[in-house]
Each structure stands twice: as structure tokens, then as C-alpha cells.
Amino acid sequence: MKIFHDKSSFQLAVTVVTALIAIASAVFAAANYFVANKLYPVEGLINRVQAEADSNSQRITTDEKLIPSFQSSLEDIKNLQGDVAEIKRTTAQTNQNVLELLAHPSGFDKHGN
């Protein structure tokens, strides 16, 4: 039993098999291109997002360490505000005393006694 009846049938079979191999190669190349250019960039993006998340986590940890220092500074500012209020009150009282003394200059000698 002969598979190929003549030489042209054999050449046609070889051509068909070669075409199928070429098509399979093209499909494989397209799949390889898709994997290399479409899937790996997503993986790279995931890696970049993970690196950014790690960086943010470290920055948050650093910020958490600074919070007590900021709270201490805030307390210092509140204390200074209290001191400033006391200075303003004392200055206002001193100004009032000076005005009262200037209003009654006859009670003092030239030395301020």
C-alpha cells in the first residue's frame, strides 16, 4: 500500500507539513512576545508597587518615631504661649502703674522718692 502515489503528492505533503510547522512557529513566537511584553511588565509593576509600599511603610515607621518629639514640641509651644500671656499681663499692669504715676507727679521728688 503506497501512501504517496507519485512525486507531486509527496511534495504537497512536505509543503503542508512545512506550512503547519511555520504556523506553529508563528503562534509560538506570538505567545512568547505576549508573555515577554504583556505579562512581565505587569510583574514589574507589581514589584514597583511592592517597593513603594515598603518605602511608605518605612517612612510611616519613622514618622511614628517622631510623633513623641512633635508632641513634646507642642507642649513646649503651649507653655510658651502661657509665658507670653503672663508677660502681656505683667506688661499691661506695669504700663497701668506708669500711667498712674505720671498722672500724679507731685508726689515725687526729683530722685523719684
C-alpha atoms as a PDB file:
ATOM      1  CA  MET A   1       0.000   0.000   0.000  1.00  0.00           C
ATOM      2  CA  LYS A   2       1.521   3.245  -1.115  1.00  0.00           C
ATOM      3  CA  ILE A   3       0.824   6.459   0.792  1.00  0.00           C
ATOM      4  CA  PHE A   4       2.060   8.703  -1.986  1.00  0.00           C
ATOM      5  CA  HIS A   5       1.025   7.753  -5.448  1.00  0.00           C
ATOM      6  CA  ASP A   6       3.524   9.994  -7.142  1.00  0.00           C
ATOM      7  CA  LYS A   7       6.226  12.577  -6.537  1.00  0.00           C
ATOM      8  CA  SER A   8       3.869  15.583  -6.592  1.00  0.00           C
ATOM      9  CA  SER A   9       1.749  14.117  -3.764  1.00  0.00           C
ATOM     10  CA  PHE A  10       4.904  13.737  -1.679  1.00  0.00           C
ATOM     11  CA  GLN A  11       5.933  17.341  -2.415  1.00  0.00           C
ATOM     12  CA  LEU A  12       2.446  18.550  -1.495  1.00  0.00           C
ATOM     13  CA  ALA A  13       2.606  16.663   1.815  1.00  0.00           C
ATOM     14  CA  VAL A  14       6.039  18.134   2.586  1.00  0.00           C
ATOM     15  CA  THR A  15       4.744  21.616   1.753  1.00  0.00           C
ATOM     16  CA  VAL A  16       1.689  21.166   4.004  1.00  0.00           C
ATOM     17  CA  VAL A  17       3.821  19.881   6.908  1.00  0.00           C
ATOM     18  CA  THR A  18       6.284  22.758   6.423  1.00  0.00           C
ATOM     19  CA  ALA A  19       3.394  25.247   6.410  1.00  0.00           C
ATOM     20  CA  LEU A  20       1.996  23.710   9.616  1.00  0.00           C
ATOM     21  CA  ILE A  21       5.426  23.966  11.257  1.00  0.00           C
ATOM     22  CA  ALA A  22       5.691  27.615  10.138  1.00  0.00           C
ATOM     23  CA  ILE A  23       2.226  28.374  11.538  1.00  0.00           C
ATOM     24  CA  ALA A  24       3.105  26.649  14.821  1.00  0.00           C
ATOM     25  CA  SER A  25       6.342  28.647  14.992  1.00  0.00           C
ATOM     26  CA  ALA A  26       4.449  31.882  14.384  1.00  0.00           C
ATOM     27  CA  VAL A  27       1.924  31.016  17.102  1.00  0.00           C
ATOM     28  CA  PHE A  28       4.770  30.168  19.493  1.00  0.00           C
ATOM     29  CA  ALA A  29       6.563  33.438  18.647  1.00  0.00           C
ATOM     30  CA  ALA A  30       3.359  35.426  19.203  1.00  0.00           C
ATOM     31  CA  ALA A  31       2.792  33.686  22.541  1.00  0.00           C
ATOM     32  CA  ASN A  32       6.396  34.357  23.531  1.00  0.00           C
ATOM     33  CA  TYR A  33       6.018  38.039  22.572  1.00  0.00           C
ATOM     34  CA  PHE A  34       2.791  38.299  24.569  1.00  0.00           C
ATOM     35  CA  VAL A  35       4.363  36.742  27.657  1.00  0.00           C
ATOM     36  CA  ALA A  36       7.505  38.860  27.398  1.00  0.00           C
ATOM     37  CA  ASN A  37       5.806  42.197  26.691  1.00  0.00           C
ATOM     38  CA  LYS A  38       2.406  41.904  28.300  1.00  0.00           C
ATOM     39  CA  LEU A  39       2.764  39.696  31.377  1.00  0.00           C
ATOM     40  CA  TYR A  40       6.251  40.572  32.594  1.00  0.00           C
ATOM     41  CA  PRO A  41       5.588  44.337  32.650  1.00  0.00           C
ATOM     42  CA  VAL A  42       2.669  43.587  34.983  1.00  0.00           C
ATOM     43  CA  GLU A  43       5.059  41.637  37.181  1.00  0.00           C
ATOM     44  CA  GLY A  44       7.467  44.591  37.062  1.00  0.00           C
ATOM     45  CA  LEU A  45       4.618  46.915  38.008  1.00  0.00           C
ATOM     46  CA  ILE A  46       3.751  44.648  40.923  1.00  0.00           C
ATOM     47  CA  ASN A  47       7.386  44.742  42.044  1.00  0.00           C
ATOM     48  CA  ARG A  48       7.462  48.558  41.811  1.00  0.00           C
ATOM     49  CA  VAL A  49       4.210  48.857  43.774  1.00  0.00           C
ATOM     50  CA  GLN A  50       5.580  46.481  46.420  1.00  0.00           C
ATOM     51  CA  ALA A  51       8.812  48.504  46.656  1.00  0.00           C
ATOM     52  CA  GLU A  52       6.786  51.722  47.034  1.00  0.00           C
ATOM     53  CA  ALA A  53       4.655  50.099  49.737  1.00  0.00           C
ATOM     54  CA  ASP A  54       7.800  49.005  51.587  1.00  0.00           C
ATOM     55  CA  SER A  55       9.206  52.531  51.310  1.00  0.00           C
ATOM     56  CA  ASN A  56       5.962  54.026  52.630  1.00  0.00           C
ATOM     57  CA  SER A  57       5.963  51.527  55.485  1.00  0.00           C
ATOM     58  CA  GLN A  58       9.475  52.587  56.482  1.00  0.00           C
ATOM     59  CA  ARG A  59       8.507  56.256  56.245  1.00  0.00           C
ATOM     60  CA  ILE A  60       5.421  55.652  58.418  1.00  0.00           C
ATOM     61  CA  THR A  61       7.583  53.855  60.980  1.00  0.00           C
ATOM     62  CA  THR A  62       9.980  56.813  61.000  1.00  0.00           C
ATOM     63  CA  ASP A  63       7.068  59.237  61.368  1.00  0.00           C
ATOM     64  CA  GLU A  64       5.714  57.203  64.286  1.00  0.00           C
ATOM     65  CA  LYS A  65       9.089  57.547  65.993  1.00  0.00           C
ATOM     66  CA  LEU A  66       8.925  61.327  65.513  1.00  0.00           C
ATOM     67  CA  ILE A  67       5.432  61.705  66.994  1.00  0.00           C
ATOM     68  CA  PRO A  68       6.642  61.864  70.649  1.00  0.00           C
ATOM     69  CA  SER A  69       9.132  64.569  69.648  1.00  0.00           C
ATOM     70  CA  PHE A  70       6.370  66.544  67.934  1.00  0.00           C
ATOM     71  CA  GLN A  71       4.125  66.129  70.977  1.00  0.00           C
ATOM     72  CA  SER A  72       6.918  67.384  73.228  1.00  0.00           C
ATOM     73  CA  SER A  73       7.429  70.389  70.947  1.00  0.00           C
ATOM     74  CA  LEU A  74       3.692  71.066  71.018  1.00  0.00           C
ATOM     75  CA  GLU A  75       3.760  71.053  74.826  1.00  0.00           C
ATOM     76  CA  ASP A  76       6.706  73.469  74.745  1.00  0.00           C
ATOM     77  CA  ILE A  77       4.749  75.778  72.435  1.00  0.00           C
ATOM     78  CA  LYS A  78       1.724  75.664  74.745  1.00  0.00           C
ATOM     79  CA  ASN A  79       3.972  76.511  77.703  1.00  0.00           C
ATOM     80  CA  LEU A  80       5.496  79.410  75.762  1.00  0.00           C
ATOM     81  CA  GLN A  81       2.022  80.684  74.931  1.00  0.00           C
ATOM     82  CA  GLY A  82       1.267  80.688  78.658  1.00  0.00           C
ATOM     83  CA  ASP A  83       4.517  82.560  79.330  1.00  0.00           C
ATOM     84  CA  VAL A  84       3.694  85.119  76.639  1.00  0.00           C
ATOM     85  CA  ALA A  85       0.239  85.635  78.153  1.00  0.00           C
ATOM     86  CA  GLU A  86       1.843  86.199  81.576  1.00  0.00           C
ATOM     87  CA  ILE A  87       4.343  88.677  80.078  1.00  0.00           C
ATOM     88  CA  LYS A  88       1.498  90.559  78.362  1.00  0.00           C
ATOM     89  CA  ARG A  89      -0.459  90.696  81.623  1.00  0.00           C
ATOM     90  CA  THR A  90       2.590  91.911  83.579  1.00  0.00           C
ATOM     91  CA  THR A  91       3.417  94.485  80.888  1.00  0.00           C
ATOM     92  CA  ALA A  92      -0.149  95.781  80.914  1.00  0.00           C
ATOM     93  CA  GLN A  93      -0.029  96.117  84.711  1.00  0.00           C
ATOM     94  CA  THR A  94       3.341  97.899  84.543  1.00  0.00           C
ATOM     95  CA  ASN A  95       2.012 100.269  81.882  1.00  0.00           C
ATOM     96  CA  GLN A  96      -1.012 100.984  84.069  1.00  0.00           C
ATOM     97  CA  ASN A  97       1.244 101.713  87.066  1.00  0.00           C
ATOM     98  CA  VAL A  98       3.411 104.069  84.971  1.00  0.00           C
ATOM     99  CA  LEU A  99       0.322 105.904  83.726  1.00  0.00           C
ATOM    100  CA  GLU A 100      -0.934 106.322  87.287  1.00  0.00           C
ATOM    101  CA  LEU A 101       2.465 107.649  88.411  1.00  0.00           C
ATOM    102  CA  LEU A 102       2.592 110.080  85.507  1.00  0.00           C
ATOM    103  CA  ALA A 103      -0.879 111.299  86.404  1.00  0.00           C
ATOM    104  CA  HIS A 104       0.310 112.245  89.952  1.00  0.00           C
ATOM    105  CA  PRO A 105       3.858 113.600  89.539  1.00  0.00           C
ATOM    106  CA  SER A 106       3.637 115.947  92.530  1.00  0.00           C
ATOM    107  CA  GLY A 107       4.075 113.101  94.995  1.00  0.00           C
ATOM    108  CA  PHE A 108       7.698 112.508  93.997  1.00  0.00           C
ATOM    109  CA  ASP A 109      10.893 114.447  94.462  1.00  0.00           C
ATOM    110  CA  LYS A 110      13.493 114.814  91.731  1.00  0.00           C
ATOM    111  CA  HIS A 111      15.049 111.484  92.762  1.00  0.00           C
ATOM    112  CA  GLY A 112      11.769 109.582  92.370  1.00  0.00           C
ATOM    113  CA  ASN A 113      11.183 109.184  96.150  1.00  0.00           C
END
